[in-house]
Amino acid sequence: MPRMPRFGALFARLLLVCASAAFGEELVFRGFLLTRLEILLGGGLSATATAVAGQALLFGVAHWYLGLRGVSTAALIGLAYGVVYVCNGRNLAPLIVAHGLTDSLSLIAIYSGVARLT
């Protein structure tokens, strides 16, 4: 089987990132987990704030393979995405796009040698 050109491999990985991480993680962490935590905590403003923080911490921990800095960065991004989700009428579409762009740019930086995973 012929080797895929560098651009083709990058493009295939970007599609995978957008399909799995952006869509899947937003659906799980913001769409499902945040809402379930709110319900578990009884609803109201304090429950929403706690649920936003809780899902952000879990989102950070889910990125443990990136090391402590990666966990911290992911948790802060999860916090920002959680706030946007709640303040934007619980619309996942802009978060899926933002997450896809974030991951795609990170992957391009790693793939081109500008950044490292660790």
PDB file of N, CA and C in Angstrom:
ATOM      1  N   MET A   1       0.846  -1.178   0.000  1.00  0.00           N
ATOM      2  CA  MET A   1       0.000   0.000   0.000  1.00  0.00           C
ATOM      3  C   MET A   1       0.893   1.243   0.000  1.00  0.00           C
ATOM      4  N   PRO A   2       0.619   2.220  -0.874  1.00  0.00           N
ATOM      5  CA  PRO A   2       1.472   3.415  -0.940  1.00  0.00           C
ATOM      6  C   PRO A   2       1.318   4.268   0.317  1.00  0.00           C
ATOM      7  N   ARG A   3       2.421   4.933   0.661  1.00  0.00           N
ATOM      8  CA  ARG A   3       2.394   5.826   1.828  1.00  0.00           C
ATOM      9  C   ARG A   3       1.573   7.069   1.515  1.00  0.00           C
ATOM     10  N   MET A   4       0.816   7.511   2.501  1.00  0.00           N
ATOM     11  CA  MET A   4       0.020   8.719   2.343  1.00  0.00           C
ATOM     12  C   MET A   4       0.955   9.924   2.418  1.00  0.00           C
ATOM     13  N   PRO A   5       0.790  10.898   1.545  1.00  0.00           N
ATOM     14  CA  PRO A   5       1.637  12.089   1.624  1.00  0.00           C
ATOM     15  C   PRO A   5       1.414  12.812   2.955  1.00  0.00           C
ATOM     16  N   ARG A   6       2.384  13.608   3.338  1.00  0.00           N
ATOM     17  CA  ARG A   6       2.309  14.321   4.622  1.00  0.00           C
ATOM     18  C   ARG A   6       1.012  15.102   4.757  1.00  0.00           C
ATOM     19  N   PHE A   7       0.620  15.808   3.725  1.00  0.00           N
ATOM     20  CA  PHE A   7      -0.614  16.583   3.811  1.00  0.00           C
ATOM     21  C   PHE A   7      -1.824  15.679   3.985  1.00  0.00           C
ATOM     22  N   GLY A   8      -1.834  14.561   3.281  1.00  0.00           N
ATOM     23  CA  GLY A   8      -2.943  13.623   3.394  1.00  0.00           C
ATOM     24  C   GLY A   8      -3.058  13.045   4.790  1.00  0.00           C
ATOM     25  N   ALA A   9      -1.912  12.716   5.399  1.00  0.00           N
ATOM     26  CA  ALA A   9      -1.918  12.187   6.768  1.00  0.00           C
ATOM     27  C   ALA A   9      -2.411  13.246   7.745  1.00  0.00           C
ATOM     28  N   LEU A  10      -1.952  14.463   7.562  1.00  0.00           N
ATOM     29  CA  LEU A  10      -2.402  15.550   8.439  1.00  0.00           C
ATOM     30  C   LEU A  10      -3.899  15.774   8.284  1.00  0.00           C
ATOM     31  N   PHE A  11      -4.375  15.797   7.054  1.00  0.00           N
ATOM     32  CA  PHE A  11      -5.797  16.015   6.801  1.00  0.00           C
ATOM     33  C   PHE A  11      -6.635  14.904   7.441  1.00  0.00           C
ATOM     34  N   ALA A  12      -6.194  13.666   7.318  1.00  0.00           N
ATOM     35  CA  ALA A  12      -6.919  12.536   7.916  1.00  0.00           C
ATOM     36  C   ALA A  12      -6.965  12.668   9.429  1.00  0.00           C
ATOM     37  N   ARG A  13      -5.869  13.073  10.029  1.00  0.00           N
ATOM     38  CA  ARG A  13      -5.837  13.252  11.489  1.00  0.00           C
ATOM     39  C   ARG A  13      -6.729  14.416  11.918  1.00  0.00           C
ATOM     40  N   LEU A  14      -6.750  15.475  11.144  1.00  0.00           N
ATOM     41  CA  LEU A  14      -7.612  16.617  11.480  1.00  0.00           C
ATOM     42  C   LEU A  14      -9.082  16.217  11.446  1.00  0.00           C
ATOM     43  N   LEU A  15      -9.464  15.411  10.462  1.00  0.00           N
ATOM     44  CA  LEU A  15     -10.846  14.932  10.404  1.00  0.00           C
ATOM     45  C   LEU A  15     -11.179  14.092  11.628  1.00  0.00           C
ATOM     46  N   LEU A  16     -10.245  13.248  12.033  1.00  0.00           N
ATOM     47  CA  LEU A  16     -10.453  12.413  13.207  1.00  0.00           C
ATOM     48  C   LEU A  16     -10.595  13.270  14.464  1.00  0.00           C
ATOM     49  N   VAL A  17      -9.753  14.290  14.582  1.00  0.00           N
ATOM     50  CA  VAL A  17      -9.818  15.192  15.741  1.00  0.00           C
ATOM     51  C   VAL A  17     -11.175  15.882  15.797  1.00  0.00           C
ATOM     52  N   CYS A  18     -11.603  16.426  14.682  1.00  0.00           N
ATOM     53  CA  CYS A  18     -12.885  17.141  14.663  1.00  0.00           C
ATOM     54  C   CYS A  18     -14.053  16.214  14.949  1.00  0.00           C
ATOM     55  N   ALA A  19     -13.995  15.014  14.411  1.00  0.00           N
ATOM     56  CA  ALA A  19     -15.111  14.083  14.586  1.00  0.00           C
ATOM     57  C   ALA A  19     -15.171  13.527  15.997  1.00  0.00           C
ATOM     58  N   SER A  20     -14.044  13.150  16.538  1.00  0.00           N
ATOM     59  CA  SER A  20     -14.073  12.495  17.843  1.00  0.00           C
ATOM     60  C   SER A  20     -13.942  13.472  18.996  1.00  0.00           C
ATOM     61  N   ALA A  21     -12.877  14.219  19.042  1.00  0.00           N
ATOM     62  CA  ALA A  21     -12.639  15.095  20.188  1.00  0.00           C
ATOM     63  C   ALA A  21     -13.632  16.244  20.243  1.00  0.00           C
ATOM     64  N   ALA A  22     -13.732  16.988  19.183  1.00  0.00           N
ATOM     65  CA  ALA A  22     -14.591  18.173  19.214  1.00  0.00           C
ATOM     66  C   ALA A  22     -16.047  17.798  19.455  1.00  0.00           C
ATOM     67  N   PHE A  23     -16.582  16.931  18.646  1.00  0.00           N
ATOM     68  CA  PHE A  23     -17.984  16.556  18.786  1.00  0.00           C
ATOM     69  C   PHE A  23     -18.208  15.719  20.042  1.00  0.00           C
ATOM     70  N   GLY A  24     -17.408  14.675  20.191  1.00  0.00           N
ATOM     71  CA  GLY A  24     -17.599  13.748  21.299  1.00  0.00           C
ATOM     72  C   GLY A  24     -17.381  14.366  22.665  1.00  0.00           C
ATOM     73  N   GLU A  25     -16.284  15.078  22.829  1.00  0.00           N
ATOM     74  CA  GLU A  25     -15.999  15.666  24.134  1.00  0.00           C
ATOM     75  C   GLU A  25     -16.995  16.758  24.501  1.00  0.00           C
ATOM     76  N   GLU A  26     -17.397  17.561  23.547  1.00  0.00           N
ATOM     77  CA  GLU A  26     -18.397  18.590  23.860  1.00  0.00           C
ATOM     78  C   GLU A  26     -19.736  17.969  24.233  1.00  0.00           C
ATOM     79  N   LEU A  27     -20.110  16.937  23.517  1.00  0.00           N
ATOM     80  CA  LEU A  27     -21.358  16.244  23.821  1.00  0.00           C
ATOM     81  C   LEU A  27     -21.311  15.635  25.225  1.00  0.00           C
ATOM     82  N   VAL A  28     -20.206  15.001  25.561  1.00  0.00           N
ATOM     83  CA  VAL A  28     -20.090  14.331  26.863  1.00  0.00           C
ATOM     84  C   VAL A  28     -19.919  15.335  28.001  1.00  0.00           C
ATOM     85  N   PHE A  29     -18.937  16.227  27.894  1.00  0.00           N
ATOM     86  CA  PHE A  29     -18.608  17.088  29.033  1.00  0.00           C
ATOM     87  C   PHE A  29     -19.588  18.240  29.217  1.00  0.00           C
ATOM     88  N   ARG A  30     -19.885  18.960  28.164  1.00  0.00           N
ATOM     89  CA  ARG A  30     -20.820  20.081  28.303  1.00  0.00           C
ATOM     90  C   ARG A  30     -22.262  19.617  28.172  1.00  0.00           C
ATOM     91  N   GLY A  31     -22.595  18.923  27.117  1.00  0.00           N
ATOM     92  CA  GLY A  31     -23.981  18.544  26.863  1.00  0.00           C
ATOM     93  C   GLY A  31     -24.563  17.578  27.876  1.00  0.00           C
ATOM     94  N   PHE A  32     -23.793  16.600  28.323  1.00  0.00           N
ATOM     95  CA  PHE A  32     -24.315  15.588  29.242  1.00  0.00           C
ATOM     96  C   PHE A  32     -23.903  15.839  30.685  1.00  0.00           C
ATOM     97  N   LEU A  33     -22.607  15.861  30.935  1.00  0.00           N
ATOM     98  CA  LEU A  33     -22.108  15.895  32.307  1.00  0.00           C
ATOM     99  C   LEU A  33     -22.507  17.167  33.051  1.00  0.00           C
ATOM    100  N   LEU A  34     -22.341  18.305  32.422  1.00  0.00           N
ATOM    101  CA  LEU A  34     -22.680  19.569  33.080  1.00  0.00           C
ATOM    102  C   LEU A  34     -24.154  19.572  33.497  1.00  0.00           C
ATOM    103  N   THR A  35     -25.017  19.161  32.607  1.00  0.00           N
ATOM    104  CA  THR A  35     -26.450  19.136  32.890  1.00  0.00           C
ATOM    105  C   THR A  35     -26.779  18.151  34.011  1.00  0.00           C
ATOM    106  N   ARG A  36     -26.165  16.973  33.971  1.00  0.00           N
ATOM    107  CA  ARG A  36     -26.432  15.965  35.003  1.00  0.00           C
ATOM    108  C   ARG A  36     -25.918  16.414  36.365  1.00  0.00           C
ATOM    109  N   LEU A  37     -24.772  17.076  36.389  1.00  0.00           N
ATOM    110  CA  LEU A  37     -24.262  17.598  37.660  1.00  0.00           C
ATOM    111  C   LEU A  37     -25.210  18.654  38.232  1.00  0.00           C
ATOM    112  N   GLU A  38     -25.731  19.513  37.373  1.00  0.00           N
ATOM    113  CA  GLU A  38     -26.707  20.514  37.831  1.00  0.00           C
ATOM    114  C   GLU A  38     -27.910  19.851  38.486  1.00  0.00           C
ATOM    115  N   ILE A  39     -28.444  18.837  37.827  1.00  0.00           N
ATOM    116  CA  ILE A  39     -29.609  18.122  38.362  1.00  0.00           C
ATOM    117  C   ILE A  39     -29.256  17.475  39.699  1.00  0.00           C
ATOM    118  N   LEU A  40     -28.102  16.830  39.751  1.00  0.00           N
ATOM    119  CA  LEU A  40     -27.644  16.171  40.969  1.00  0.00           C
ATOM    120  C   LEU A  40     -27.505  17.167  42.126  1.00  0.00           C
ATOM    121  N   LEU A  41     -27.075  18.373  41.791  1.00  0.00           N
ATOM    122  CA  LEU A  41     -26.858  19.400  42.814  1.00  0.00           C
ATOM    123  C   LEU A  41     -28.116  20.208  43.135  1.00  0.00           C
ATOM    124  N   GLY A  42     -29.232  19.897  42.517  1.00  0.00           N
ATOM    125  CA  GLY A  42     -30.500  20.512  42.875  1.00  0.00           C
ATOM    126  C   GLY A  42     -30.921  21.723  42.069  1.00  0.00           C
ATOM    127  N   GLY A  43     -30.179  22.095  41.062  1.00  0.00           N
ATOM    128  CA  GLY A  43     -30.556  23.234  40.219  1.00  0.00           C
ATOM    129  C   GLY A  43     -30.225  24.564  40.882  1.00  0.00           C
ATOM    130  N   GLY A  44     -30.492  25.627  40.178  1.00  0.00           N
ATOM    131  CA  GLY A  44     -30.196  26.971  40.682  1.00  0.00           C
ATOM    132  C   GLY A  44     -28.823  27.447  40.251  1.00  0.00           C
ATOM    133  N   LEU A  45     -28.550  28.708  40.553  1.00  0.00           N
ATOM    134  CA  LEU A  45     -27.309  29.355  40.123  1.00  0.00           C
ATOM    135  C   LEU A  45     -26.066  28.705  40.730  1.00  0.00           C
ATOM    136  N   SER A  46     -26.108  28.386  42.013  1.00  0.00           N
ATOM    137  CA  SER A  46     -24.924  27.779  42.640  1.00  0.00           C
ATOM    138  C   SER A  46     -24.680  26.374  42.090  1.00  0.00           C
ATOM    139  N   ALA A  47     -25.740  25.645  41.798  1.00  0.00           N
ATOM    140  CA  ALA A  47     -25.583  24.316  41.202  1.00  0.00           C
ATOM    141  C   ALA A  47     -24.975  24.429  39.811  1.00  0.00           C
ATOM    142  N   THR A  48     -25.413  25.427  39.042  1.00  0.00           N
ATOM    143  CA  THR A  48     -24.862  25.632  37.704  1.00  0.00           C
ATOM    144  C   THR A  48     -23.381  25.981  37.784  1.00  0.00           C
ATOM    145  N   ALA A  49     -23.024  26.895  38.685  1.00  0.00           N
ATOM    146  CA  ALA A  49     -21.621  27.293  38.833  1.00  0.00           C
ATOM    147  C   ALA A  49     -20.757  26.106  39.256  1.00  0.00           C
ATOM    148  N   THR A  50     -21.253  25.315  40.189  1.00  0.00           N
ATOM    149  CA  THR A  50     -20.514  24.139  40.649  1.00  0.00           C
ATOM    150  C   THR A  50     -20.399  23.101  39.534  1.00  0.00           C
ATOM    151  N   ALA A  51     -21.463  22.925  38.767  1.00  0.00           N
ATOM    152  CA  ALA A  51     -21.449  21.973  37.656  1.00  0.00           C
ATOM    153  C   ALA A  51     -20.469  22.407  36.577  1.00  0.00           C
ATOM    154  N   VAL A  52     -20.411  23.705  36.293  1.00  0.00           N
ATOM    155  CA  VAL A  52     -19.452  24.222  35.307  1.00  0.00           C
ATOM    156  C   VAL A  52     -18.033  23.936  35.784  1.00  0.00           C
ATOM    157  N   ALA A  53     -17.757  24.218  37.061  1.00  0.00           N
ATOM    158  CA  ALA A  53     -16.416  23.963  37.609  1.00  0.00           C
ATOM    159  C   ALA A  53     -16.110  22.463  37.635  1.00  0.00           C
ATOM    160  N   GLY A  54     -17.079  21.665  38.024  1.00  0.00           N
ATOM    161  CA  GLY A  54     -16.873  20.219  38.106  1.00  0.00           C
ATOM    162  C   GLY A  54     -16.573  19.575  36.767  1.00  0.00           C
ATOM    163  N   GLN A  55     -17.344  19.942  35.753  1.00  0.00           N
ATOM    164  CA  GLN A  55     -17.076  19.356  34.437  1.00  0.00           C
ATOM    165  C   GLN A  55     -15.738  19.834  33.889  1.00  0.00           C
ATOM    166  N   ALA A  56     -15.339  21.055  34.236  1.00  0.00           N
ATOM    167  CA  ALA A  56     -14.041  21.570  33.788  1.00  0.00           C
ATOM    168  C   ALA A  56     -12.897  20.782  34.427  1.00  0.00           C
ATOM    169  N   LEU A  57     -13.026  20.486  35.719  1.00  0.00           N
ATOM    170  CA  LEU A  57     -11.998  19.692  36.392  1.00  0.00           C
ATOM    171  C   LEU A  57     -11.902  18.292  35.799  1.00  0.00           C
ATOM    172  N   LEU A  58     -13.050  17.682  35.549  1.00  0.00           N
ATOM    173  CA  LEU A  58     -13.054  16.349  34.946  1.00  0.00           C
ATOM    174  C   LEU A  58     -12.498  16.380  33.521  1.00  0.00           C
ATOM    175  N   PHE A  59     -12.797  17.446  32.785  1.00  0.00           N
ATOM    176  CA  PHE A  59     -12.260  17.617  31.437  1.00  0.00           C
ATOM    177  C   PHE A  59     -10.732  17.714  31.497  1.00  0.00           C
ATOM    178  N   GLY A  60     -10.236  18.459  32.474  1.00  0.00           N
ATOM    179  CA  GLY A  60      -8.792  18.569  32.654  1.00  0.00           C
ATOM    180  C   GLY A  60      -8.159  17.224  32.958  1.00  0.00           C
ATOM    181  N   VAL A  61      -8.744  16.487  33.903  1.00  0.00           N
ATOM    182  CA  VAL A  61      -8.220  15.178  34.287  1.00  0.00           C
ATOM    183  C   VAL A  61      -8.250  14.201  33.109  1.00  0.00           C
ATOM    184  N   ALA A  62      -9.236  14.327  32.252  1.00  0.00           N
ATOM    185  CA  ALA A  62      -9.325  13.456  31.075  1.00  0.00           C
ATOM    186  C   ALA A  62      -8.150  13.676  30.117  1.00  0.00           C
ATOM    187  N   HIS A  63      -7.433  14.780  30.290  1.00  0.00           N
ATOM    188  CA  HIS A  63      -6.276  15.089  29.443  1.00  0.00           C
ATOM    189  C   HIS A  63      -4.966  14.875  30.202  1.00  0.00           C
ATOM    190  N   TRP A  64      -4.956  13.942  31.161  1.00  0.00           N
ATOM    191  CA  TRP A  64      -3.773  13.663  31.982  1.00  0.00           C
ATOM    192  C   TRP A  64      -2.558  13.283  31.147  1.00  0.00           C
ATOM    193  N   TYR A  65      -2.779  12.685  29.987  1.00  0.00           N
ATOM    194  CA  TYR A  65      -1.670  12.253  29.135  1.00  0.00           C
ATOM    195  C   TYR A  65      -0.829  13.434  28.644  1.00  0.00           C
ATOM    196  N   LEU A  66      -1.350  14.651  28.804  1.00  0.00           N
ATOM    197  CA  LEU A  66      -0.617  15.844  28.389  1.00  0.00           C
ATOM    198  C   LEU A  66       0.266  16.400  29.506  1.00  0.00           C
ATOM    199  N   GLY A  67       0.258  15.745  30.661  1.00  0.00           N
ATOM    200  CA  GLY A  67       1.048  16.229  31.792  1.00  0.00           C
ATOM    201  C   GLY A  67       0.297  17.299  32.576  1.00  0.00           C
ATOM    202  N   LEU A  68       0.926  17.790  33.640  1.00  0.00           N
ATOM    203  CA  LEU A  68       0.280  18.751  34.533  1.00  0.00           C
ATOM    204  C   LEU A  68      -0.110  20.042  33.814  1.00  0.00           C
ATOM    205  N   ARG A  69       0.768  20.533  32.969  1.00  0.00           N
ATOM    206  CA  ARG A  69       0.451  21.749  32.214  1.00  0.00           C
ATOM    207  C   ARG A  69      -0.731  21.531  31.285  1.00  0.00           C
ATOM    208  N   GLY A  70      -0.784  20.376  30.638  1.00  0.00           N
ATOM    209  CA  GLY A  70      -1.897  20.052  29.749  1.00  0.00           C
ATOM    210  C   GLY A  70      -3.208  19.901  30.504  1.00  0.00           C
ATOM    211  N   VAL A  71      -3.147  19.287  31.683  1.00  0.00           N
ATOM    212  CA  VAL A  71      -4.345  19.139  32.510  1.00  0.00           C
ATOM    213  C   VAL A  71      -4.858  20.516  32.923  1.00  0.00           C
ATOM    214  N   SER A  72      -3.954  21.378  33.356  1.00  0.00           N
ATOM    215  CA  SER A  72      -4.338  22.736  33.766  1.00  0.00           C
ATOM    216  C   SER A  72      -4.938  23.522  32.601  1.00  0.00           C
ATOM    217  N   THR A  73      -4.296  23.432  31.461  1.00  0.00           N
ATOM    218  CA  THR A  73      -4.796  24.138  30.273  1.00  0.00           C
ATOM    219  C   THR A  73      -6.167  23.613  29.869  1.00  0.00           C
ATOM    220  N   ALA A  74      -6.322  22.295  29.842  1.00  0.00           N
ATOM    221  CA  ALA A  74      -7.610  21.699  29.468  1.00  0.00           C
ATOM    222  C   ALA A  74      -8.696  22.080  30.466  1.00  0.00           C
ATOM    223  N   ALA A  75      -8.366  22.115  31.748  1.00  0.00           N
ATOM    224  CA  ALA A  75      -9.355  22.506  32.757  1.00  0.00           C
ATOM    225  C   ALA A  75      -9.795  23.954  32.560  1.00  0.00           C
ATOM    226  N   LEU A  76      -8.864  24.834  32.264  1.00  0.00           N
ATOM    227  CA  LEU A  76      -9.227  26.242  32.023  1.00  0.00           C
ATOM    228  C   LEU A  76     -10.067  26.388  30.758  1.00  0.00           C
ATOM    229  N   ILE A  77      -9.713  25.650  29.724  1.00  0.00           N
ATOM    230  CA  ILE A  77     -10.514  25.676  28.501  1.00  0.00           C
ATOM    231  C   ILE A  77     -11.898  25.107  28.779  1.00  0.00           C
ATOM    232  N   GLY A  78     -11.967  24.010  29.542  1.00  0.00           N
ATOM    233  CA  GLY A  78     -13.254  23.431  29.928  1.00  0.00           C
ATOM    234  C   GLY A  78     -14.104  24.400  30.725  1.00  0.00           C
ATOM    235  N   LEU A  79     -13.461  25.178  31.583  1.00  0.00           N
ATOM    236  CA  LEU A  79     -14.190  26.195  32.355  1.00  0.00           C
ATOM    237  C   LEU A  79     -14.765  27.264  31.424  1.00  0.00           C
ATOM    238  N   ALA A  80     -13.936  27.749  30.512  1.00  0.00           N
ATOM    239  CA  ALA A  80     -14.404  28.761  29.557  1.00  0.00           C
ATOM    240  C   ALA A  80     -15.527  28.208  28.674  1.00  0.00           C
ATOM    241  N   TYR A  81     -15.349  26.998  28.171  1.00  0.00           N
ATOM    242  CA  TYR A  81     -16.378  26.382  27.329  1.00  0.00           C
ATOM    243  C   TYR A  81     -17.666  26.165  28.120  1.00  0.00           C
ATOM    244  N   GLY A  82     -17.547  25.785  29.376  1.00  0.00           N
ATOM    245  CA  GLY A  82     -18.730  25.593  30.219  1.00  0.00           C
ATOM    246  C   GLY A  82     -19.507  26.885  30.420  1.00  0.00           C
ATOM    247  N   VAL A  83     -18.786  27.967  30.668  1.00  0.00           N
ATOM    248  CA  VAL A  83     -19.436  29.278  30.841  1.00  0.00           C
ATOM    249  C   VAL A  83     -20.116  29.696  29.541  1.00  0.00           C
ATOM    250  N   VAL A  84     -19.424  29.529  28.419  1.00  0.00           N
ATOM    251  CA  VAL A  84     -20.012  29.872  27.121  1.00  0.00           C
ATOM    252  C   VAL A  84     -21.250  29.030  26.866  1.00  0.00           C
ATOM    253  N   TYR A  85     -21.192  27.767  27.179  1.00  0.00           N
ATOM    254  CA  TYR A  85     -22.330  26.862  26.981  1.00  0.00           C
ATOM    255  C   TYR A  85     -23.555  27.343  27.749  1.00  0.00           C
ATOM    256  N   VAL A  86     -23.363  27.660  29.015  1.00  0.00           N
ATOM    257  CA  VAL A  86     -24.488  28.101  29.848  1.00  0.00           C
ATOM    258  C   VAL A  86     -24.999  29.476  29.398  1.00  0.00           C
ATOM    259  N   CYS A  87     -24.087  30.385  29.114  1.00  0.00           N
ATOM    260  CA  CYS A  87     -24.485  31.758  28.753  1.00  0.00           C
ATOM    261  C   CYS A  87     -25.005  31.880  27.324  1.00  0.00           C
ATOM    262  N   ASN A  88     -24.760  30.876  26.496  1.00  0.00           N
ATOM    263  CA  ASN A  88     -25.154  30.923  25.088  1.00  0.00           C
ATOM    264  C   ASN A  88     -26.359  30.027  24.812  1.00  0.00           C
ATOM    265  N   GLY A  89     -27.225  29.872  25.808  1.00  0.00           N
ATOM    266  CA  GLY A  89     -28.443  29.101  25.607  1.00  0.00           C
ATOM    267  C   GLY A  89     -28.211  27.614  25.439  1.00  0.00           C
ATOM    268  N   ARG A  90     -27.086  27.113  25.973  1.00  0.00           N
ATOM    269  CA  ARG A  90     -26.749  25.681  25.930  1.00  0.00           C
ATOM    270  C   ARG A  90     -26.666  25.144  24.499  1.00  0.00           C
ATOM    271  N   ASN A  91     -26.071  25.940  23.659  1.00  0.00           N
ATOM    272  CA  ASN A  91     -25.864  25.591  22.255  1.00  0.00           C
ATOM    273  C   ASN A  91     -24.462  25.010  22.094  1.00  0.00           C
ATOM    274  N   LEU A  92     -24.383  23.747  21.704  1.00  0.00           N
ATOM    275  CA  LEU A  92     -23.082  23.082  21.564  1.00  0.00           C
ATOM    276  C   LEU A  92     -22.354  23.414  20.264  1.00  0.00           C
ATOM    277  N   ALA A  93     -23.070  23.860  19.253  1.00  0.00           N
ATOM    278  CA  ALA A  93     -22.464  24.064  17.933  1.00  0.00           C
ATOM    279  C   ALA A  93     -21.236  24.978  17.962  1.00  0.00           C
ATOM    280  N   PRO A  94     -21.298  26.170  18.588  1.00  0.00           N
ATOM    281  CA  PRO A  94     -20.091  27.017  18.590  1.00  0.00           C
ATOM    282  C   PRO A  94     -18.931  26.391  19.358  1.00  0.00           C
ATOM    283  N   LEU A  95     -19.246  25.600  20.382  1.00  0.00           N
ATOM    284  CA  LEU A  95     -18.189  24.949  21.153  1.00  0.00           C
ATOM    285  C   LEU A  95     -17.533  23.828  20.358  1.00  0.00           C
ATOM    286  N   ILE A  96     -18.319  23.118  19.582  1.00  0.00           N
ATOM    287  CA  ILE A  96     -17.757  22.055  18.736  1.00  0.00           C
ATOM    288  C   ILE A  96     -16.801  22.667  17.712  1.00  0.00           C
ATOM    289  N   VAL A  97     -17.202  23.783  17.119  1.00  0.00           N
ATOM    290  CA  VAL A  97     -16.336  24.472  16.153  1.00  0.00           C
ATOM    291  C   VAL A  97     -15.069  24.983  16.838  1.00  0.00           C
ATOM    292  N   ALA A  98     -15.222  25.636  18.000  1.00  0.00           N
ATOM    293  CA  ALA A  98     -14.060  26.166  18.726  1.00  0.00           C
ATOM    294  C   ALA A  98     -13.119  25.044  19.146  1.00  0.00           C
ATOM    295  N   HIS A  99     -13.672  23.968  19.654  1.00  0.00           N
ATOM    296  CA  HIS A  99     -12.868  22.828  20.094  1.00  0.00           C
ATOM    297  C   HIS A  99     -12.146  22.208  18.900  1.00  0.00           C
ATOM    298  N   GLY A 100     -12.848  22.062  17.804  1.00  0.00           N
ATOM    299  CA  GLY A 100     -12.223  21.522  16.597  1.00  0.00           C
ATOM    300  C   GLY A 100     -11.082  22.391  16.105  1.00  0.00           C
ATOM    301  N   LEU A 101     -11.278  23.701  16.137  1.00  0.00           N
ATOM    302  CA  LEU A 101     -10.212  24.625  15.707  1.00  0.00           C
ATOM    303  C   LEU A 101      -9.026  24.574  16.657  1.00  0.00           C
ATOM    304  N   THR A 102      -9.296  24.554  17.957  1.00  0.00           N
ATOM    305  CA  THR A 102      -8.224  24.480  18.952  1.00  0.00           C
ATOM    306  C   THR A 102      -7.394  23.222  18.750  1.00  0.00           C
ATOM    307  N   ASP A 103      -8.071  22.087  18.654  1.00  0.00           N
ATOM    308  CA  ASP A 103      -7.352  20.828  18.481  1.00  0.00           C
ATOM    309  C   ASP A 103      -6.638  20.763  17.134  1.00  0.00           C
ATOM    310  N   SER A 104      -7.266  21.277  16.094  1.00  0.00           N
ATOM    311  CA  SER A 104      -6.646  21.260  14.766  1.00  0.00           C
ATOM    312  C   SER A 104      -5.383  22.108  14.731  1.00  0.00           C
ATOM    313  N   LEU A 105      -5.447  23.297  15.308  1.00  0.00           N
ATOM    314  CA  LEU A 105      -4.259  24.161  15.342  1.00  0.00           C
ATOM    315  C   LEU A 105      -3.148  23.538  16.179  1.00  0.00           C
ATOM    316  N   SER A 106      -3.521  22.909  17.289  1.00  0.00           N
ATOM    317  CA  SER A 106      -2.525  22.230  18.124  1.00  0.00           C
ATOM    318  C   SER A 106      -1.879  21.085  17.357  1.00  0.00           C
ATOM    319  N   LEU A 107      -2.690  20.309  16.656  1.00  0.00           N
ATOM    320  CA  LEU A 107      -2.166  19.188  15.891  1.00  0.00           C
ATOM    321  C   LEU A 107      -1.251  19.665  14.766  1.00  0.00           C
ATOM    322  N   ILE A 108      -1.627  20.736  14.100  1.00  0.00           N
ATOM    323  CA  ILE A 108      -0.774  21.297  13.042  1.00  0.00           C
ATOM    324  C   ILE A 108       0.561  21.757  13.628  1.00  0.00           C
ATOM    325  N   ALA A 109       0.516  22.401  14.796  1.00  0.00           N
ATOM    326  CA  ALA A 109       1.752  22.865  15.443  1.00  0.00           C
ATOM    327  C   ALA A 109       2.646  21.684  15.820  1.00  0.00           C
ATOM    328  N   ILE A 110       2.065  20.615  16.337  1.00  0.00           N
ATOM    329  CA  ILE A 110       2.843  19.429  16.697  1.00  0.00           C
ATOM    330  C   ILE A 110       3.386  18.759  15.449  1.00  0.00           C
ATOM    331  N   TYR A 111       2.546  18.603  14.456  1.00  0.00           N
ATOM    332  CA  TYR A 111       2.922  17.915  13.224  1.00  0.00           C
ATOM    333  C   TYR A 111       4.024  18.668  12.468  1.00  0.00           C
ATOM    334  N   SER A 112       4.000  19.993  12.553  1.00  0.00           N
ATOM    335  CA  SER A 112       5.004  20.786  11.834  1.00  0.00           C
ATOM    336  C   SER A 112       6.278  20.997  12.640  1.00  0.00           C
ATOM    337  N   GLY A 113       6.293  20.553  13.901  1.00  0.00           N
ATOM    338  CA  GLY A 113       7.486  20.690  14.724  1.00  0.00           C
ATOM    339  C   GLY A 113       7.546  21.969  15.510  1.00  0.00           C
ATOM    340  N   VAL A 114       6.524  22.799  15.445  1.00  0.00           N
ATOM    341  CA  VAL A 114       6.503  24.066  16.181  1.00  0.00           C
ATOM    342  C   VAL A 114       6.278  23.823  17.669  1.00  0.00           C
ATOM    343  N   ALA A 115       5.501  22.781  17.999  1.00  0.00           N
ATOM    344  CA  ALA A 115       5.192  22.469  19.396  1.00  0.00           C
ATOM    345  C   ALA A 115       5.446  20.986  19.638  1.00  0.00           C
ATOM    346  N   ARG A 116       5.531  20.642  20.926  1.00  0.00           N
ATOM    347  CA  ARG A 116       5.709  19.251  21.332  1.00  0.00           C
ATOM    348  C   ARG A 116       4.562  18.844  22.231  1.00  0.00           C
ATOM    349  N   LEU A 117       4.294  17.545  22.313  1.00  0.00           N
ATOM    350  CA  LEU A 117       3.252  17.046  23.211  1.00  0.00           C
ATOM    351  C   LEU A 117       3.629  17.216  24.662  1.00  0.00           C
ATOM    352  N   THR A 118       4.882  17.027  25.025  1.00  0.00           N
ATOM    353  CA  THR A 118       5.302  17.132  26.425  1.00  0.00           C
ATOM    354  C   THR A 118       6.157  18.328  26.670  1.00  0.00           C
TER     355      THR A 118
END
